[in-house]
Amino acid sequence: MPAAPPPHPEPLTVACLCAGWCVACQGYAAPFAQVARTYPDAHFVWIDIEDHSDALGDEALDIENFPTVMVLQGRRALFLGTVMPHAGTLERMVQAAQAGSLDGATVRTAMAGPVADLAATLRGVQGVVTAP
């Protein structure tokens, strides 16, 4: 009897948590969109932490440096941190997550669920970057 296929992992969500006034974030928007187009199986979303502070909760107030990226697999956080605003850095992170080497063992965040929910709500909303 053939072995059952491995379970299909939940798709990745890559959320850039930024602020509209942040110059670094403004410069990161194009590289973020470029990587999003490269990985159509992942959901990329741009979240302004000030515009969506009610949905993100108090932990969003702890974000002090930008751009901050959260990588989720389903509702499980694999990464949360400030990144260099370069496409190559983000691309390596997405590749690591897809390969299973970004395990999130040390990521403890109450924002994972709210970010996943907000990302699902914002799909296709104007001003939010999503993979085409």
C-alpha atoms as a PDB file:
ATOM      1  CA  MET A   1       0.000   0.000   0.000  1.00  0.00           C
ATOM      2  CA  PRO A   2       1.516   3.376  -1.002  1.00  0.00           C
ATOM      3  CA  ALA A   3       2.396   5.836   1.723  1.00  0.00           C
ATOM      4  CA  ALA A   4       0.089   8.760   2.216  1.00  0.00           C
ATOM      5  CA  PRO A   5       1.414  12.012   0.780  1.00  0.00           C
ATOM      6  CA  PRO A   6       2.836  14.416   3.353  1.00  0.00           C
ATOM      7  CA  PRO A   7       0.377  17.027   4.554  1.00  0.00           C
ATOM      8  CA  HIS A   8       0.396  20.186   2.476  1.00  0.00           C
ATOM      9  CA  PRO A   9       1.845  22.988   4.587  1.00  0.00           C
ATOM     10  CA  GLU A  10      -0.280  26.043   5.095  1.00  0.00           C
ATOM     11  CA  PRO A  11       0.643  28.920   2.777  1.00  0.00           C
ATOM     12  CA  LEU A  12       3.025  31.595   3.941  1.00  0.00           C
ATOM     13  CA  THR A  13       1.939  35.095   4.816  1.00  0.00           C
ATOM     14  CA  VAL A  14       4.648  37.739   4.694  1.00  0.00           C
ATOM     15  CA  ALA A  15       3.551  40.941   6.395  1.00  0.00           C
ATOM     16  CA  CYS A  16       5.500  44.168   6.362  1.00  0.00           C
ATOM     17  CA  LEU A  17       4.548  46.104   9.492  1.00  0.00           C
ATOM     18  CA  CYS A  18       5.337  49.735   8.784  1.00  0.00           C
ATOM     19  CA  ALA A  19       4.166  53.283   9.322  1.00  0.00           C
ATOM     20  CA  GLY A  20       3.073  55.711   6.620  1.00  0.00           C
ATOM     21  CA  TRP A  21       5.474  58.427   7.796  1.00  0.00           C
ATOM     22  CA  CYS A  22       8.527  56.100   7.733  1.00  0.00           C
ATOM     23  CA  VAL A  23      10.940  57.010   4.923  1.00  0.00           C
ATOM     24  CA  ALA A  24      12.644  53.589   5.097  1.00  0.00           C
ATOM     25  CA  CYS A  25       9.262  51.901   4.678  1.00  0.00           C
ATOM     26  CA  GLN A  26       8.400  54.095   1.717  1.00  0.00           C
ATOM     27  CA  GLY A  27      11.635  53.014   0.047  1.00  0.00           C
ATOM     28  CA  TYR A  28      10.975  49.368   0.904  1.00  0.00           C
ATOM     29  CA  ALA A  29       7.556  49.237  -0.777  1.00  0.00           C
ATOM     30  CA  ALA A  30       8.920  48.564  -4.291  1.00  0.00           C
ATOM     31  CA  PRO A  31      11.392  45.791  -3.266  1.00  0.00           C
ATOM     32  CA  PHE A  32       8.642  44.205  -1.133  1.00  0.00           C
ATOM     33  CA  ALA A  33       6.278  44.191  -4.130  1.00  0.00           C
ATOM     34  CA  GLN A  34       9.059  42.780  -6.338  1.00  0.00           C
ATOM     35  CA  VAL A  35       9.547  39.802  -4.004  1.00  0.00           C
ATOM     36  CA  ALA A  36       5.771  39.335  -3.755  1.00  0.00           C
ATOM     37  CA  ARG A  37       5.596  38.896  -7.536  1.00  0.00           C
ATOM     38  CA  THR A  38       8.359  36.277  -7.345  1.00  0.00           C
ATOM     39  CA  TYR A  39       6.452  34.115  -4.857  1.00  0.00           C
ATOM     40  CA  PRO A  40       2.803  33.933  -5.988  1.00  0.00           C
ATOM     41  CA  ASP A  41       2.094  31.006  -3.621  1.00  0.00           C
ATOM     42  CA  ALA A  42       2.705  33.241  -0.598  1.00  0.00           C
ATOM     43  CA  HIS A  43       0.446  36.061   0.524  1.00  0.00           C
ATOM     44  CA  PHE A  44       2.278  39.381   0.933  1.00  0.00           C
ATOM     45  CA  VAL A  45       0.572  42.172   2.800  1.00  0.00           C
ATOM     46  CA  TRP A  46       1.606  45.687   3.782  1.00  0.00           C
ATOM     47  CA  ILE A  47       0.168  46.726   7.146  1.00  0.00           C
ATOM     48  CA  ASP A  48       0.379  50.247   8.524  1.00  0.00           C
ATOM     49  CA  ILE A  49       0.596  49.605  12.272  1.00  0.00           C
ATOM     50  CA  GLU A  50      -0.941  52.976  13.074  1.00  0.00           C
ATOM     51  CA  ASP A  51      -3.901  52.625  10.715  1.00  0.00           C
ATOM     52  CA  HIS A  52      -4.552  49.102  12.038  1.00  0.00           C
ATOM     53  CA  SER A  53      -3.535  49.500  15.683  1.00  0.00           C
ATOM     54  CA  ASP A  54      -6.971  48.431  16.960  1.00  0.00           C
ATOM     55  CA  ALA A  55      -6.784  45.133  15.062  1.00  0.00           C
ATOM     56  CA  LEU A  56      -3.151  44.437  16.018  1.00  0.00           C
ATOM     57  CA  GLY A  57      -3.441  45.098  19.736  1.00  0.00           C
ATOM     58  CA  ASP A  58      -1.044  46.559  22.242  1.00  0.00           C
ATOM     59  CA  GLU A  59       1.947  44.515  21.073  1.00  0.00           C
ATOM     60  CA  ALA A  60       2.061  46.611  17.889  1.00  0.00           C
ATOM     61  CA  LEU A  61       3.097  49.534  20.072  1.00  0.00           C
ATOM     62  CA  ASP A  62       6.356  47.684  20.795  1.00  0.00           C
ATOM     63  CA  ILE A  63       7.443  47.946  17.167  1.00  0.00           C
ATOM     64  CA  GLU A  64      10.066  50.671  17.242  1.00  0.00           C
ATOM     65  CA  ASN A  65      12.172  50.013  14.128  1.00  0.00           C
ATOM     66  CA  PHE A  66      11.125  49.730  10.520  1.00  0.00           C
ATOM     67  CA  PRO A  67      10.669  47.851   8.333  1.00  0.00           C
ATOM     68  CA  THR A  68       9.523  45.049  10.599  1.00  0.00           C
ATOM     69  CA  VAL A  69       8.550  41.813   8.867  1.00  0.00           C
ATOM     70  CA  MET A  70       6.430  38.968  10.182  1.00  0.00           C
ATOM     71  CA  VAL A  71       6.430  35.623   8.378  1.00  0.00           C
ATOM     72  CA  LEU A  72       3.543  33.316   9.235  1.00  0.00           C
ATOM     73  CA  GLN A  73       2.640  29.800   8.248  1.00  0.00           C
ATOM     74  CA  GLY A  74      -1.069  29.770   8.843  1.00  0.00           C
ATOM     75  CA  ARG A  75      -1.361  31.476  12.235  1.00  0.00           C
ATOM     76  CA  ARG A  76       2.076  30.395  13.474  1.00  0.00           C
ATOM     77  CA  ALA A  77       4.793  33.060  13.504  1.00  0.00           C
ATOM     78  CA  LEU A  78       8.048  31.900  11.935  1.00  0.00           C
ATOM     79  CA  PHE A  79       9.784  35.268  12.143  1.00  0.00           C
ATOM     80  CA  LEU A  80       9.192  38.725  13.570  1.00  0.00           C
ATOM     81  CA  GLY A  81      11.872  41.369  13.387  1.00  0.00           C
ATOM     82  CA  THR A  82      13.403  44.372  11.742  1.00  0.00           C
ATOM     83  CA  VAL A  83      15.077  43.601   8.424  1.00  0.00           C
ATOM     84  CA  MET A  84      17.413  45.387   6.068  1.00  0.00           C
ATOM     85  CA  PRO A  85      15.193  46.980   3.422  1.00  0.00           C
ATOM     86  CA  HIS A  86      16.553  44.959   0.503  1.00  0.00           C
ATOM     87  CA  ALA A  87      14.740  42.544  -1.774  1.00  0.00           C
ATOM     88  CA  GLY A  88      17.521  39.956  -1.404  1.00  0.00           C
ATOM     89  CA  THR A  89      17.165  39.846   2.368  1.00  0.00           C
ATOM     90  CA  LEU A  90      13.421  39.265   2.149  1.00  0.00           C
ATOM     91  CA  GLU A  91      13.817  36.723  -0.637  1.00  0.00           C
ATOM     92  CA  ARG A  92      16.286  34.648   1.417  1.00  0.00           C
ATOM     93  CA  MET A  93      13.853  34.734   4.334  1.00  0.00           C
ATOM     94  CA  VAL A  94      10.959  33.511   2.177  1.00  0.00           C
ATOM     95  CA  GLN A  95      13.148  30.746   0.736  1.00  0.00           C
ATOM     96  CA  ALA A  96      14.164  29.661   4.238  1.00  0.00           C
ATOM     97  CA  ALA A  97      10.527  29.590   5.348  1.00  0.00           C
ATOM     98  CA  GLN A  98       9.514  27.527   2.319  1.00  0.00           C
ATOM     99  CA  ALA A  99      12.399  25.113   2.968  1.00  0.00           C
ATOM    100  CA  GLY A 100      11.310  24.680   6.573  1.00  0.00           C
ATOM    101  CA  SER A 101      14.477  26.161   8.028  1.00  0.00           C
ATOM    102  CA  LEU A 102      12.742  29.201   9.485  1.00  0.00           C
ATOM    103  CA  ASP A 103      11.056  27.332  12.304  1.00  0.00           C
ATOM    104  CA  GLY A 104       9.915  30.147  14.574  1.00  0.00           C
ATOM    105  CA  ALA A 105      10.894  28.258  17.716  1.00  0.00           C
ATOM    106  CA  THR A 106      12.005  31.462  19.407  1.00  0.00           C
ATOM    107  CA  VAL A 107       9.229  33.684  18.065  1.00  0.00           C
ATOM    108  CA  ARG A 108       6.758  34.372  20.836  1.00  0.00           C
ATOM    109  CA  THR A 109       4.230  36.940  19.786  1.00  0.00           C
ATOM    110  CA  ALA A 110       0.631  37.627  20.577  1.00  0.00           C
ATOM    111  CA  MET A 111       0.417  39.472  17.252  1.00  0.00           C
ATOM    112  CA  ALA A 112       0.564  36.328  15.084  1.00  0.00           C
ATOM    113  CA  GLY A 113      -3.184  35.713  15.169  1.00  0.00           C
ATOM    114  CA  PRO A 114      -4.185  39.350  14.680  1.00  0.00           C
ATOM    115  CA  VAL A 115      -1.694  39.762  11.793  1.00  0.00           C
ATOM    116  CA  ALA A 116      -3.001  36.581  10.124  1.00  0.00           C
ATOM    117  CA  ASP A 117      -6.591  37.771  10.529  1.00  0.00           C
ATOM    118  CA  LEU A 118      -5.792  41.259   9.273  1.00  0.00           C
ATOM    119  CA  ALA A 119      -3.849  39.886   6.298  1.00  0.00           C
ATOM    120  CA  ALA A 120      -6.853  37.756   5.319  1.00  0.00           C
ATOM    121  CA  THR A 121      -9.166  40.757   5.678  1.00  0.00           C
ATOM    122  CA  LEU A 122      -6.920  43.051   3.647  1.00  0.00           C
ATOM    123  CA  ARG A 123      -6.457  40.785   0.619  1.00  0.00           C
ATOM    124  CA  GLY A 124      -7.083  42.863  -2.427  1.00  0.00           C
ATOM    125  CA  VAL A 125      -7.760  46.115  -0.566  1.00  0.00           C
ATOM    126  CA  GLN A 126      -6.288  49.067  -2.430  1.00  0.00           C
ATOM    127  CA  GLY A 127      -2.963  50.168  -0.944  1.00  0.00           C
ATOM    128  CA  VAL A 128      -2.103  46.722   0.348  1.00  0.00           C
ATOM    129  CA  VAL A 129       0.567  44.796  -1.527  1.00  0.00           C
ATOM    130  CA  THR A 130      -0.465  41.284  -2.478  1.00  0.00           C
ATOM    131  CA  ALA A 131       1.031  38.811  -4.885  1.00  0.00           C
ATOM    132  CA  PRO A 132      -0.771  39.045  -8.243  1.00  0.00           C
END
